Amino acid sequence: MPAPYCDSSVIYHIIYASVFGFFSGGYVGLTSIIITDLVGIDNLSSVFGIVLLFQGIAVALGTPITGMYLLFLSNATINMFVIF
């Protein structure tokens, strides 16, 4: 991932954020369409809520686990690239 190589240059951060936002927008936009195809329009709200619940749990647990992973390893710079 190029984010650690951006240093303090703003233009690199803008380019990285633009590319990341462009490609992650497809994920966000297609989630409800795929769920609708799988379960139907009648169950969309309840299933979408369950999907968001599991995404929230993954974010809430993943960040501290990643932090502990980096804390316990000796070479955090190399391991940061493995995580991302």
N, C-alpha and C. Protein backbone atom coordinates (compact mmCIF):
# COMPACT_ATOMS: atom_id res chain seq x y z
N MET A 1 0.83 -1.17 0.00
CA MET A 1 0.00 0.00 0.00
C MET A 1 0.88 1.24 0.00
N PRO A 2 0.50 2.25 -0.73
CA PRO A 2 1.34 3.43 -0.87
C PRO A 2 1.20 4.45 0.26
N ALA A 3 0.27 4.30 1.16
CA ALA A 3 0.05 5.32 2.19
C ALA A 3 1.28 5.58 3.06
N PRO A 4 2.02 4.57 3.51
CA PRO A 4 3.22 4.87 4.31
C PRO A 4 4.31 5.59 3.54
N TYR A 5 4.30 5.50 2.21
CA TYR A 5 5.32 6.16 1.41
C TYR A 5 4.97 7.61 1.08
N CYS A 6 3.82 8.08 1.47
CA CYS A 6 3.39 9.44 1.11
C CYS A 6 4.17 10.52 1.86
N ASP A 7 4.72 10.21 2.99
CA ASP A 7 5.47 11.16 3.82
C ASP A 7 4.62 12.38 4.14
N SER A 8 5.16 13.57 3.91
CA SER A 8 4.41 14.79 4.24
C SER A 8 3.92 15.52 3.00
N SER A 9 4.04 14.90 1.84
CA SER A 9 3.60 15.54 0.60
C SER A 9 2.08 15.44 0.47
N VAL A 10 1.44 16.57 0.35
CA VAL A 10 -0.02 16.62 0.30
C VAL A 10 -0.55 16.04 -1.01
N ILE A 11 0.15 16.26 -2.09
CA ILE A 11 -0.34 15.78 -3.39
C ILE A 11 -0.40 14.26 -3.42
N TYR A 12 0.55 13.58 -2.80
CA TYR A 12 0.50 12.11 -2.74
C TYR A 12 -0.68 11.62 -1.92
N HIS A 13 -0.97 12.32 -0.84
CA HIS A 13 -2.13 11.95 -0.03
C HIS A 13 -3.43 12.18 -0.80
N ILE A 14 -3.51 13.24 -1.56
CA ILE A 14 -4.70 13.52 -2.36
C ILE A 14 -4.89 12.44 -3.42
N ILE A 15 -3.82 12.06 -4.09
CA ILE A 15 -3.91 11.02 -5.11
C ILE A 15 -4.32 9.68 -4.49
N TYR A 16 -3.69 9.34 -3.37
CA TYR A 16 -4.02 8.08 -2.69
C TYR A 16 -5.48 8.07 -2.22
N ALA A 17 -5.93 9.15 -1.62
CA ALA A 17 -7.31 9.22 -1.15
C ALA A 17 -8.30 9.17 -2.30
N SER A 18 -7.96 9.78 -3.42
CA SER A 18 -8.85 9.77 -4.59
C SER A 18 -8.99 8.37 -5.16
N VAL A 19 -7.88 7.67 -5.31
CA VAL A 19 -7.93 6.31 -5.84
C VAL A 19 -8.66 5.38 -4.88
N PHE A 20 -8.36 5.51 -3.59
CA PHE A 20 -9.03 4.69 -2.58
C PHE A 20 -10.54 4.96 -2.57
N GLY A 21 -10.93 6.23 -2.62
CA GLY A 21 -12.34 6.58 -2.61
C GLY A 21 -13.06 6.11 -3.86
N PHE A 22 -12.40 6.18 -5.01
CA PHE A 22 -13.02 5.73 -6.25
C PHE A 22 -13.32 4.24 -6.21
N PHE A 23 -12.37 3.45 -5.76
CA PHE A 23 -12.57 2.01 -5.76
C PHE A 23 -13.42 1.53 -4.59
N SER A 24 -13.39 2.21 -3.46
CA SER A 24 -14.25 1.79 -2.35
C SER A 24 -15.69 2.25 -2.55
N GLY A 25 -15.91 3.22 -3.39
CA GLY A 25 -17.27 3.65 -3.69
C GLY A 25 -18.10 2.57 -4.35
N GLY A 26 -17.46 1.74 -5.15
CA GLY A 26 -18.16 0.62 -5.77
C GLY A 26 -18.65 -0.37 -4.73
N TYR A 27 -17.85 -0.62 -3.71
CA TYR A 27 -18.25 -1.52 -2.64
C TYR A 27 -19.47 -0.97 -1.90
N VAL A 28 -19.42 0.29 -1.56
CA VAL A 28 -20.52 0.90 -0.82
C VAL A 28 -21.79 0.95 -1.67
N GLY A 29 -21.64 1.29 -2.93
CA GLY A 29 -22.80 1.40 -3.80
C GLY A 29 -23.44 0.07 -4.17
N LEU A 30 -22.64 -0.97 -4.26
CA LEU A 30 -23.16 -2.26 -4.68
C LEU A 30 -23.69 -3.13 -3.56
N THR A 31 -23.42 -2.76 -2.31
CA THR A 31 -23.84 -3.58 -1.18
C THR A 31 -25.35 -3.77 -1.16
N SER A 32 -26.10 -2.71 -1.23
CA SER A 32 -27.56 -2.84 -1.17
C SER A 32 -28.12 -3.53 -2.40
N ILE A 33 -27.50 -3.35 -3.56
CA ILE A 33 -27.99 -4.00 -4.77
C ILE A 33 -27.79 -5.52 -4.69
N ILE A 34 -26.64 -5.93 -4.20
CA ILE A 34 -26.37 -7.37 -4.08
C ILE A 34 -27.25 -8.00 -3.02
N ILE A 35 -27.44 -7.31 -1.90
CA ILE A 35 -28.32 -7.84 -0.85
C ILE A 35 -29.75 -7.97 -1.38
N THR A 36 -30.20 -7.00 -2.15
CA THR A 36 -31.55 -7.07 -2.72
C THR A 36 -31.68 -8.25 -3.68
N ASP A 37 -30.66 -8.51 -4.47
CA ASP A 37 -30.69 -9.66 -5.37
C ASP A 37 -30.71 -10.98 -4.60
N LEU A 38 -30.04 -11.01 -3.47
CA LEU A 38 -29.96 -12.26 -2.70
C LEU A 38 -31.21 -12.55 -1.88
N VAL A 39 -31.77 -11.53 -1.21
CA VAL A 39 -32.87 -11.78 -0.27
C VAL A 39 -34.19 -11.17 -0.68
N GLY A 40 -34.18 -10.32 -1.69
CA GLY A 40 -35.43 -9.68 -2.12
C GLY A 40 -35.64 -8.34 -1.45
N ILE A 41 -36.51 -7.55 -2.04
CA ILE A 41 -36.76 -6.19 -1.55
C ILE A 41 -37.52 -6.19 -0.22
N ASP A 42 -38.30 -7.24 0.04
CA ASP A 42 -39.09 -7.29 1.28
C ASP A 42 -38.21 -7.44 2.52
N ASN A 43 -37.11 -8.14 2.39
CA ASN A 43 -36.23 -8.39 3.54
C ASN A 43 -35.00 -7.48 3.55
N LEU A 44 -34.97 -6.50 2.67
CA LEU A 44 -33.76 -5.67 2.54
C LEU A 44 -33.40 -4.94 3.82
N SER A 45 -34.36 -4.34 4.48
CA SER A 45 -34.04 -3.52 5.66
C SER A 45 -33.50 -4.35 6.81
N SER A 46 -34.09 -5.49 7.07
CA SER A 46 -33.60 -6.30 8.19
C SER A 46 -32.25 -6.94 7.89
N VAL A 47 -32.06 -7.43 6.68
CA VAL A 47 -30.78 -8.05 6.33
C VAL A 47 -29.68 -7.00 6.24
N PHE A 48 -30.01 -5.82 5.73
CA PHE A 48 -29.02 -4.75 5.65
C PHE A 48 -28.58 -4.33 7.05
N GLY A 49 -29.51 -4.31 7.98
CA GLY A 49 -29.16 -4.01 9.37
C GLY A 49 -28.23 -5.05 9.97
N ILE A 50 -28.46 -6.31 9.66
CA ILE A 50 -27.59 -7.37 10.16
C ILE A 50 -26.19 -7.27 9.54
N VAL A 51 -26.14 -6.97 8.24
CA VAL A 51 -24.84 -6.79 7.58
C VAL A 51 -24.08 -5.64 8.22
N LEU A 52 -24.75 -4.52 8.48
CA LEU A 52 -24.08 -3.39 9.12
C LEU A 52 -23.66 -3.71 10.54
N LEU A 53 -24.44 -4.55 11.24
CA LEU A 53 -24.06 -4.97 12.58
C LEU A 53 -22.74 -5.73 12.56
N PHE A 54 -22.62 -6.69 11.64
CA PHE A 54 -21.39 -7.46 11.55
C PHE A 54 -20.22 -6.62 11.07
N GLN A 55 -20.45 -5.66 10.19
CA GLN A 55 -19.38 -4.76 9.78
C GLN A 55 -18.92 -3.90 10.96
N GLY A 56 -19.85 -3.44 11.77
CA GLY A 56 -19.49 -2.64 12.94
C GLY A 56 -18.70 -3.43 13.96
N ILE A 57 -19.10 -4.68 14.18
CA ILE A 57 -18.36 -5.54 15.11
C ILE A 57 -16.95 -5.78 14.58
N ALA A 58 -16.83 -6.02 13.27
CA ALA A 58 -15.50 -6.25 12.69
C ALA A 58 -14.61 -5.03 12.83
N VAL A 59 -15.16 -3.84 12.64
CA VAL A 59 -14.37 -2.62 12.79
C VAL A 59 -14.00 -2.40 14.26
N ALA A 60 -14.96 -2.64 15.16
CA ALA A 60 -14.70 -2.41 16.58
C ALA A 60 -13.67 -3.38 17.14
N LEU A 61 -13.65 -4.61 16.64
CA LEU A 61 -12.69 -5.59 17.15
C LEU A 61 -11.39 -5.59 16.35
N GLY A 62 -11.47 -5.28 15.08
CA GLY A 62 -10.29 -5.35 14.22
C GLY A 62 -9.24 -4.32 14.54
N THR A 63 -9.66 -3.11 14.88
CA THR A 63 -8.69 -2.06 15.17
C THR A 63 -7.86 -2.34 16.41
N PRO A 64 -8.45 -2.72 17.55
CA PRO A 64 -7.61 -3.04 18.71
C PRO A 64 -6.75 -4.29 18.50
N ILE A 65 -7.27 -5.27 17.79
CA ILE A 65 -6.48 -6.47 17.52
C ILE A 65 -5.27 -6.13 16.66
N THR A 66 -5.47 -5.27 15.66
CA THR A 66 -4.36 -4.84 14.83
C THR A 66 -3.34 -4.04 15.64
N GLY A 67 -3.81 -3.19 16.54
CA GLY A 67 -2.90 -2.44 17.40
C GLY A 67 -2.09 -3.34 18.31
N MET A 68 -2.73 -4.36 18.89
CA MET A 68 -2.00 -5.30 19.73
C MET A 68 -1.00 -6.11 18.91
N TYR A 69 -1.39 -6.44 17.67
CA TYR A 69 -0.48 -7.17 16.78
C TYR A 69 0.77 -6.35 16.52
N LEU A 70 0.60 -5.07 16.24
CA LEU A 70 1.76 -4.21 15.99
C LEU A 70 2.58 -3.98 17.25
N LEU A 71 1.91 -3.94 18.40
CA LEU A 71 2.60 -3.69 19.66
C LEU A 71 3.51 -4.85 20.04
N PHE A 72 3.06 -6.06 19.81
CA PHE A 72 3.83 -7.23 20.25
C PHE A 72 4.90 -7.67 19.27
N LEU A 73 4.90 -7.13 18.08
CA LEU A 73 5.92 -7.54 17.12
C LEU A 73 7.08 -6.56 17.14
N SER A 74 8.27 -7.07 16.86
CA SER A 74 9.46 -6.24 17.00
C SER A 74 9.63 -5.26 15.84
N ASN A 75 9.39 -5.67 14.62
CA ASN A 75 9.61 -4.79 13.47
C ASN A 75 8.26 -4.32 12.96
N ALA A 76 7.73 -3.27 13.56
CA ALA A 76 6.38 -2.81 13.26
C ALA A 76 6.26 -2.24 11.86
N THR A 77 7.32 -1.71 11.28
CA THR A 77 7.24 -1.11 9.95
C THR A 77 6.94 -2.17 8.90
N ILE A 78 7.64 -3.26 8.93
CA ILE A 78 7.40 -4.33 7.96
C ILE A 78 6.04 -4.98 8.20
N ASN A 79 5.69 -5.20 9.45
CA ASN A 79 4.43 -5.85 9.76
C ASN A 79 3.24 -4.96 9.43
N MET A 80 3.43 -3.65 9.42
CA MET A 80 2.35 -2.74 9.03
C MET A 80 1.96 -3.00 7.59
N PHE A 81 2.92 -3.29 6.73
CA PHE A 81 2.62 -3.57 5.34
C PHE A 81 1.89 -4.91 5.20
N VAL A 82 2.16 -5.86 6.06
CA VAL A 82 1.48 -7.14 6.03
C VAL A 82 0.02 -6.96 6.41
N ILE A 83 -0.27 -6.09 7.37
CA ILE A 83 -1.64 -5.87 7.82
C ILE A 83 -2.45 -5.20 6.73
N PHE A 84 -1.90 -4.19 6.10
CA PHE A 84 -2.65 -3.48 5.09
C PHE A 84 -2.66 -4.26 3.80
